[in-house]
N, C-alpha and C. Protein backbone atom coordinates (compact mmCIF):
# COMPACT_ATOMS: atom_id res chain seq x y z
N UNK A 1 14.77 21.29 -18.54
CA UNK A 1 13.86 20.82 -17.67
C UNK A 1 14.59 20.76 -16.19
N UNK A 2 14.04 21.48 -15.02
CA UNK A 2 14.59 21.32 -13.82
C UNK A 2 14.38 20.17 -13.28
N UNK A 3 15.71 19.33 -12.85
CA UNK A 3 15.73 17.88 -11.98
C UNK A 3 15.71 16.85 -13.04
N UNK A 4 15.06 16.82 -13.96
CA UNK A 4 14.89 15.90 -15.10
C UNK A 4 14.19 14.39 -14.58
N UNK A 5 14.07 13.41 -15.20
CA UNK A 5 13.40 12.32 -15.05
C UNK A 5 13.87 11.84 -13.75
N UNK A 6 14.84 11.88 -13.20
CA UNK A 6 15.45 11.31 -11.95
C UNK A 6 14.36 11.94 -10.84
N UNK A 7 14.44 13.42 -10.82
CA UNK A 7 13.15 13.88 -9.85
C UNK A 7 11.85 13.49 -9.67
N UNK A 8 11.48 13.24 -11.15
CA UNK A 8 10.33 13.04 -11.51
C UNK A 8 9.92 11.66 -10.98
N UNK A 9 10.64 10.61 -11.05
CA UNK A 9 10.49 9.02 -10.54
C UNK A 9 11.14 9.14 -9.21
N UNK A 10 11.42 10.17 -8.48
CA UNK A 10 11.70 9.91 -7.06
C UNK A 10 10.81 9.15 -6.27
N UNK A 11 11.41 8.01 -5.46
CA UNK A 11 10.43 7.27 -4.66
C UNK A 11 9.48 5.96 -5.35
N UNK A 12 9.69 5.97 -6.62
CA UNK A 12 8.97 5.08 -7.65
C UNK A 12 9.21 3.69 -7.04
N UNK A 13 10.41 3.32 -6.85
CA UNK A 13 10.68 1.89 -6.31
C UNK A 13 10.14 1.68 -4.70
N UNK A 14 10.10 2.67 -4.16
CA UNK A 14 9.39 2.76 -2.76
C UNK A 14 7.95 2.40 -2.96
N UNK A 15 7.73 3.29 -3.65
CA UNK A 15 5.87 2.87 -4.09
C UNK A 15 5.84 1.67 -4.59
N UNK A 16 6.48 1.13 -5.63
CA UNK A 16 6.36 -0.27 -5.91
C UNK A 16 6.28 -1.38 -4.73
N UNK A 17 7.32 -1.02 -3.80
CA UNK A 17 7.35 -1.52 -2.78
C UNK A 17 6.09 -1.76 -1.53
N UNK A 18 5.58 -0.62 -1.75
CA UNK A 18 4.29 -0.60 -1.42
C UNK A 18 3.06 -1.11 -1.83
N UNK A 19 2.91 -0.70 -3.13
CA UNK A 19 1.66 -1.24 -3.99
C UNK A 19 1.73 -2.72 -4.30
N UNK A 20 2.97 -3.56 -4.59
CA UNK A 20 2.97 -4.66 -5.06
C UNK A 20 2.46 -5.38 -3.58
N UNK A 21 2.94 -5.51 -2.43
CA UNK A 21 2.59 -5.96 -1.25
C UNK A 21 1.03 -5.91 -1.01
N UNK A 22 0.55 -4.67 -1.26
CA UNK A 22 -0.85 -4.20 -0.45
C UNK A 22 -1.75 -5.17 -1.58
N UNK A 23 -1.41 -5.06 -3.11
CA UNK A 23 -2.28 -5.74 -4.02
C UNK A 23 -2.60 -7.22 -3.67
N UNK A 24 -1.24 -7.62 -3.53
CA UNK A 24 -1.03 -9.20 -2.98
C UNK A 24 -1.82 -9.49 -1.93
N UNK A 25 -1.93 -8.86 -0.88
CA UNK A 25 -2.85 -9.09 0.31
C UNK A 25 -4.20 -8.93 0.02
N UNK A 26 -4.55 -7.69 -0.63
CA UNK A 26 -5.58 -7.15 -0.65
C UNK A 26 -6.56 -7.84 -1.63
N UNK A 27 -6.43 -8.13 -2.79
CA UNK A 27 -6.93 -9.07 -3.66
C UNK A 27 -7.53 -10.32 -3.47
N UNK A 28 -6.62 -11.24 -2.71
CA UNK A 28 -7.26 -12.24 -2.29
C UNK A 28 -8.26 -12.53 -1.12
N UNK A 29 -7.74 -11.46 -0.42
CA UNK A 29 -8.75 -11.19 0.90
C UNK A 29 -10.11 -10.74 0.58
N UNK A 30 -9.83 -9.79 -0.64
CA UNK A 30 -11.36 -9.35 -0.81
C UNK A 30 -12.08 -10.21 -1.54
N UNK A 31 -11.66 -11.23 -2.24
CA UNK A 31 -12.32 -12.37 -3.17
C UNK A 31 -12.96 -13.33 -2.27
N UNK A 32 -11.97 -13.88 -1.18
CA UNK A 32 -12.21 -14.73 -0.04
C UNK A 32 -13.42 -14.28 0.73
N UNK A 33 -13.28 -12.92 1.11
CA UNK A 33 -14.47 -12.34 1.72
C UNK A 33 -15.72 -12.16 1.09
N UNK A 34 -15.63 -11.98 -0.15
CA UNK A 34 -16.93 -11.74 -0.81
C UNK A 34 -17.16 -12.94 -0.92
N UNK A 35 -16.90 -14.17 -1.25
CA UNK A 35 -17.30 -15.54 -1.35
C UNK A 35 -18.14 -16.05 -0.24
N UNK A 36 -17.27 -15.72 0.88
CA UNK A 36 -17.83 -16.05 2.15
C UNK A 36 -19.19 -15.43 2.62
N UNK A 37 -19.37 -13.96 2.03
CA UNK A 37 -20.40 -13.15 2.62
C UNK A 37 -21.52 -13.54 1.42
N UNK A 38 -21.22 -14.02 0.17
CA UNK A 38 -22.24 -14.30 -0.64
C UNK A 38 -22.80 -15.76 -0.60
N UNK A 39 -21.82 -16.59 -0.37
CA UNK A 39 -22.41 -17.88 -0.06
C UNK A 39 -22.94 -18.49 1.48
N UNK A 40 -22.22 -18.16 2.28
CA UNK A 40 -22.59 -18.64 3.51
C UNK A 40 -23.74 -17.87 3.97
N UNK A 41 -23.62 -16.32 4.03
CA UNK A 41 -24.68 -15.35 4.76
C UNK A 41 -25.35 -14.90 3.83
N UNK A 42 -25.62 -14.98 2.52
CA UNK A 42 -26.62 -14.75 1.55
C UNK A 42 -26.99 -13.06 1.74
N UNK A 43 -25.65 -12.39 1.47
CA UNK A 43 -25.86 -10.87 1.84
C UNK A 43 -26.01 -10.52 0.32
N UNK A 44 -26.75 -9.22 0.13
CA UNK A 44 -26.91 -8.76 -1.03
C UNK A 44 -25.67 -8.44 -1.56
N UNK A 45 -25.54 -8.21 -2.94
CA UNK A 45 -24.31 -7.76 -3.54
C UNK A 45 -23.45 -6.46 -3.34
N UNK A 46 -24.36 -5.45 -3.17
CA UNK A 46 -23.73 -4.25 -2.93
C UNK A 46 -23.26 -4.43 -1.43
N UNK A 47 -23.90 -4.98 -0.68
CA UNK A 47 -23.47 -4.58 0.76
C UNK A 47 -22.33 -5.65 1.02
N UNK A 48 -22.23 -6.77 0.09
CA UNK A 48 -21.04 -7.83 -0.03
C UNK A 48 -19.69 -6.99 -0.30
N UNK A 49 -20.07 -6.33 -1.77
CA UNK A 49 -18.72 -5.63 -1.83
C UNK A 49 -18.31 -4.54 -1.05
N UNK A 50 -18.99 -3.82 -0.44
CA UNK A 50 -18.48 -2.85 0.55
C UNK A 50 -17.98 -3.50 1.75
N UNK A 51 -18.49 -4.40 2.40
CA UNK A 51 -17.93 -5.10 3.56
C UNK A 51 -16.62 -5.95 3.27
N UNK A 52 -16.57 -6.44 2.13
CA UNK A 52 -15.35 -7.01 1.36
C UNK A 52 -14.23 -6.14 1.32
N UNK A 53 -14.60 -4.95 0.77
CA UNK A 53 -13.49 -4.15 0.42
C UNK A 53 -13.09 -3.68 1.85
N UNK A 54 -13.96 -3.34 2.67
CA UNK A 54 -13.45 -2.73 3.93
C UNK A 54 -12.72 -3.92 4.81
N UNK A 55 -12.88 -4.85 5.07
CA UNK A 55 -12.44 -5.90 5.50
C UNK A 55 -11.02 -6.24 4.99
N UNK A 56 -10.66 -6.13 3.35
CA UNK A 56 -9.44 -6.68 3.05
C UNK A 56 -8.55 -5.14 3.00
N UNK A 57 -9.11 -4.19 3.28
CA UNK A 57 -8.13 -3.00 3.34
C UNK A 57 -7.60 -2.91 4.74
N UNK A 58 -7.99 -3.38 5.69
CA UNK A 58 -7.56 -3.34 6.94
C UNK A 58 -6.06 -4.20 7.24
N UNK A 59 -6.08 -5.21 6.84
CA UNK A 59 -4.71 -6.15 7.07
C UNK A 59 -3.71 -5.31 5.82
N UNK A 60 -4.29 -4.95 4.83
CA UNK A 60 -3.32 -4.53 3.74
C UNK A 60 -2.73 -3.49 3.98
N UNK A 61 -3.77 -2.35 4.43
CA UNK A 61 -3.09 -1.10 4.73
C UNK A 61 -2.12 -1.16 6.01
N UNK A 62 -2.41 -2.06 6.90
CA UNK A 62 -1.68 -2.13 8.29
C UNK A 62 -0.38 -2.59 8.00
N UNK A 63 -0.23 -3.41 7.37
CA UNK A 63 1.28 -4.27 6.85
C UNK A 63 1.82 -3.56 5.79
N UNK A 64 1.56 -2.55 4.85
CA UNK A 64 2.25 -1.87 4.10
C UNK A 64 2.40 -0.39 4.74
N UNK A 65 2.22 0.05 5.61
CA UNK A 65 2.04 1.37 6.16
C UNK A 65 3.71 1.92 6.47
N UNK A 66 4.37 1.15 6.91
CA UNK A 66 6.10 1.23 7.05
C UNK A 66 6.61 1.87 5.46
N UNK A 67 6.08 0.94 4.63
CA UNK A 67 6.78 1.15 2.97
C UNK A 67 6.28 2.54 2.82
N UNK A 68 4.85 2.72 3.01
CA UNK A 68 4.29 4.10 2.60
C UNK A 68 5.11 5.43 3.45
N UNK A 69 5.32 5.23 4.47
CA UNK A 69 6.08 6.05 5.42
C UNK A 69 7.52 6.25 4.70
N UNK A 70 8.30 5.30 4.39
CA UNK A 70 9.36 5.29 3.59
C UNK A 70 9.39 6.02 2.22
N UNK A 71 8.39 5.69 1.41
CA UNK A 71 7.89 6.40 0.09
C UNK A 71 7.92 7.74 0.48
N UNK A 72 6.98 8.08 1.39
CA UNK A 72 6.53 9.59 1.43
C UNK A 72 7.74 10.66 2.15
N UNK A 73 8.72 10.03 2.60
CA UNK A 73 9.75 10.75 3.28
C UNK A 73 10.77 11.14 2.10
N UNK A 74 10.98 9.93 1.52
CA UNK A 74 11.77 10.19 0.24
C UNK A 74 11.16 11.28 -0.85
N UNK A 75 10.14 11.15 -1.04
CA UNK A 75 9.37 12.19 -1.90
C UNK A 75 9.23 13.79 -1.32
N UNK A 76 8.78 13.71 -0.24
CA UNK A 76 8.43 14.79 0.49
C UNK A 76 10.14 15.44 0.86
N UNK A 77 11.08 14.86 1.31
CA UNK A 77 12.04 15.53 1.98
C UNK A 77 13.41 14.82 1.04
N UNK A 78 13.82 15.17 -0.16
CA UNK A 78 14.90 14.37 -0.81
C UNK A 78 16.17 14.74 -0.34
N UNK A 79 16.37 16.04 0.17
CA UNK A 79 17.41 16.62 0.79
C UNK A 79 18.13 15.71 2.02
N UNK A 80 17.25 14.90 2.77
CA UNK A 80 17.45 14.56 4.12
C UNK A 80 17.41 13.00 3.67
N UNK A 81 16.48 12.47 3.01
CA UNK A 81 16.53 11.21 2.62
C UNK A 81 17.07 10.73 1.16
N UNK A 82 18.02 9.98 1.05
CA UNK A 82 18.66 9.78 -0.37
C UNK A 82 18.04 8.34 -1.06
N UNK A 83 17.99 7.32 -0.08
CA UNK A 83 17.62 6.10 -0.29
C UNK A 83 16.83 5.17 0.42
N UNK A 84 16.20 4.33 -0.30
CA UNK A 84 15.34 3.40 0.82
C UNK A 84 15.88 2.95 1.84
N UNK A 85 17.02 2.10 1.95
CA UNK A 85 17.55 1.76 2.94
C UNK A 85 18.25 2.72 3.88
N UNK A 86 18.51 3.91 3.59
CA UNK A 86 18.93 4.96 4.48
C UNK A 86 17.63 5.62 5.22
N UNK A 87 16.58 5.71 4.52
CA UNK A 87 15.39 6.33 5.11
C UNK A 87 14.84 5.56 6.06
N UNK A 88 15.07 3.78 5.72
CA UNK A 88 14.53 3.06 6.81
C UNK A 88 15.36 2.88 8.19
N UNK A 89 16.35 2.77 7.86
CA UNK A 89 17.46 3.01 8.99
C UNK A 89 17.17 4.10 9.97
N UNK A 90 16.97 5.47 9.39
CA UNK A 90 16.56 6.82 10.17
C UNK A 90 15.49 6.51 10.70
N UNK A 91 14.27 5.91 10.09
CA UNK A 91 13.13 5.86 10.67
C UNK A 91 12.95 4.82 11.99
N UNK A 92 13.90 3.71 11.61
CA UNK A 92 14.03 2.65 12.88
C UNK A 92 14.70 3.27 13.78
N UNK A 93 15.87 4.15 13.73
CA UNK A 93 16.37 4.41 14.79
C UNK A 93 15.37 5.50 15.44
């Protein structure tokens, strides 16, 4: 096997650093927005789900984009970017 498991899972920690905060922001925001739209504005179910998902995705995606960039760089250019810390420092500079 060329590269082995280490290359298969390159960037997995950075991926988790993106996905965990995204979910922690997205799902509570989605549920809160859904309840507000259903209870206060009496919107129909399909439109409520669509708008709640759109509203919840904005802050979630915005706040985790730096982690996504780090993950993508580590996975796409492994010869240049070796670790999460080094990648973040290079991007910050």
